[in-house]
């Protein structure tokens, strides 16, 4: 039987020791579409209260803040 991974564990595997993750990775861990994350950022400058940093044309989201969000 396949086990369902918990959110913090899935985040740990996705981040693989990095401090920031890409929008697509954030969306996968948060169970949302990447476009939803981008839309929230475009309209409010954040998503779920988390502000990303911009590097070139990419948004990088802080893993520590995502973990706090997922842990409640």
C-alpha atoms as a PDB file:
ATOM      1  CA  UNK A   1       0.000   0.000   0.000  1.00  0.00           C
ATOM      2  CA  UNK A   2       1.352   3.405  -0.950  1.00  0.00           C
ATOM      3  CA  UNK A   3       1.748   5.885   1.902  1.00  0.00           C
ATOM      4  CA  UNK A   4       0.717   9.508   1.550  1.00  0.00           C
ATOM      5  CA  UNK A   5       3.551  11.868   2.436  1.00  0.00           C
ATOM      6  CA  UNK A   6       2.939  14.569   4.997  1.00  0.00           C
ATOM      7  CA  UNK A   7       3.354  18.159   3.842  1.00  0.00           C
ATOM      8  CA  UNK A   8       6.532  18.969   5.817  1.00  0.00           C
ATOM      9  CA  UNK A   9       8.150  15.728   4.627  1.00  0.00           C
ATOM     10  CA  UNK A  10       7.215  16.475   1.011  1.00  0.00           C
ATOM     11  CA  UNK A  11       8.631  19.977   1.415  1.00  0.00           C
ATOM     12  CA  UNK A  12      11.878  18.585   2.814  1.00  0.00           C
ATOM     13  CA  UNK A  13      12.230  16.263  -0.178  1.00  0.00           C
ATOM     14  CA  UNK A  14      11.386  19.025  -2.627  1.00  0.00           C
ATOM     15  CA  UNK A  15      13.755  21.584  -1.097  1.00  0.00           C
ATOM     16  CA  UNK A  16      16.654  19.116  -0.796  1.00  0.00           C
ATOM     17  CA  UNK A  17      18.588  21.439   1.519  1.00  0.00           C
ATOM     18  CA  UNK A  18      17.895  24.667  -0.393  1.00  0.00           C
ATOM     19  CA  UNK A  19      16.661  27.816   1.347  1.00  0.00           C
ATOM     20  CA  UNK A  20      14.295  28.832  -1.476  1.00  0.00           C
ATOM     21  CA  UNK A  21      12.198  26.875  -3.978  1.00  0.00           C
ATOM     22  CA  UNK A  22      10.671  27.797  -7.326  1.00  0.00           C
ATOM     23  CA  UNK A  23       7.006  28.658  -7.832  1.00  0.00           C
ATOM     24  CA  UNK A  24       6.205  25.279  -9.414  1.00  0.00           C
ATOM     25  CA  UNK A  25       7.675  23.459  -6.420  1.00  0.00           C
ATOM     26  CA  UNK A  26       5.796  25.693  -3.967  1.00  0.00           C
ATOM     27  CA  UNK A  27       2.566  25.008  -5.840  1.00  0.00           C
ATOM     28  CA  UNK A  28       3.100  21.246  -5.731  1.00  0.00           C
ATOM     29  CA  UNK A  29       3.766  21.233  -1.982  1.00  0.00           C
ATOM     30  CA  UNK A  30       0.814  23.581  -1.299  1.00  0.00           C
ATOM     31  CA  UNK A  31      -1.516  21.499  -3.536  1.00  0.00           C
ATOM     32  CA  UNK A  32      -2.320  24.474  -5.748  1.00  0.00           C
ATOM     33  CA  UNK A  33      -1.744  25.306  -9.397  1.00  0.00           C
ATOM     34  CA  UNK A  34       1.391  27.297 -10.143  1.00  0.00           C
ATOM     35  CA  UNK A  35      -0.751  29.903 -11.883  1.00  0.00           C
ATOM     36  CA  UNK A  36      -2.739  30.387  -8.656  1.00  0.00           C
ATOM     37  CA  UNK A  37       0.484  31.143  -6.789  1.00  0.00           C
ATOM     38  CA  UNK A  38       1.561  33.602  -9.495  1.00  0.00           C
ATOM     39  CA  UNK A  39      -1.856  35.303  -9.583  1.00  0.00           C
ATOM     40  CA  UNK A  40      -1.878  35.795  -5.810  1.00  0.00           C
ATOM     41  CA  UNK A  41       1.613  37.270  -6.017  1.00  0.00           C
ATOM     42  CA  UNK A  42       0.621  39.610  -8.872  1.00  0.00           C
ATOM     43  CA  UNK A  43      -2.479  40.914  -7.098  1.00  0.00           C
ATOM     44  CA  UNK A  44      -1.180  41.193  -3.520  1.00  0.00           C
ATOM     45  CA  UNK A  45       2.613  40.867  -3.649  1.00  0.00           C
ATOM     46  CA  UNK A  46       2.457  37.659  -1.601  1.00  0.00           C
ATOM     47  CA  UNK A  47       0.827  34.248  -1.456  1.00  0.00           C
ATOM     48  CA  UNK A  48      -0.521  32.844   1.806  1.00  0.00           C
ATOM     49  CA  UNK A  49       1.354  35.625   3.587  1.00  0.00           C
ATOM     50  CA  UNK A  50       4.709  34.609   2.087  1.00  0.00           C
ATOM     51  CA  UNK A  51       6.717  37.093   0.035  1.00  0.00           C
ATOM     52  CA  UNK A  52       9.149  35.678  -2.526  1.00  0.00           C
ATOM     53  CA  UNK A  53      12.441  37.095  -3.713  1.00  0.00           C
ATOM     54  CA  UNK A  54      12.923  37.791  -7.409  1.00  0.00           C
ATOM     55  CA  UNK A  55      15.974  36.459  -9.196  1.00  0.00           C
ATOM     56  CA  UNK A  56      15.874  37.420 -12.837  1.00  0.00           C
ATOM     57  CA  UNK A  57      12.412  36.478 -14.075  1.00  0.00           C
ATOM     58  CA  UNK A  58      11.860  33.867 -11.360  1.00  0.00           C
ATOM     59  CA  UNK A  59      10.189  33.969  -7.989  1.00  0.00           C
ATOM     60  CA  UNK A  60      11.928  32.043  -5.223  1.00  0.00           C
ATOM     61  CA  UNK A  61       9.916  31.214  -2.116  1.00  0.00           C
ATOM     62  CA  UNK A  62      11.508  30.783   1.344  1.00  0.00           C
ATOM     63  CA  UNK A  63      11.318  27.189   2.551  1.00  0.00           C
ATOM     64  CA  UNK A  64      11.210  28.161   6.247  1.00  0.00           C
ATOM     65  CA  UNK A  65       8.081  30.289   5.759  1.00  0.00           C
ATOM     66  CA  UNK A  66       6.405  27.547   3.693  1.00  0.00           C
ATOM     67  CA  UNK A  67       7.167  24.996   6.416  1.00  0.00           C
ATOM     68  CA  UNK A  68       5.623  27.297   9.028  1.00  0.00           C
ATOM     69  CA  UNK A  69       2.528  27.677   6.841  1.00  0.00           C
ATOM     70  CA  UNK A  70       2.155  23.932   6.345  1.00  0.00           C
ATOM     71  CA  UNK A  71       2.698  23.163  10.030  1.00  0.00           C
ATOM     72  CA  UNK A  72      -0.097  25.532  10.996  1.00  0.00           C
END
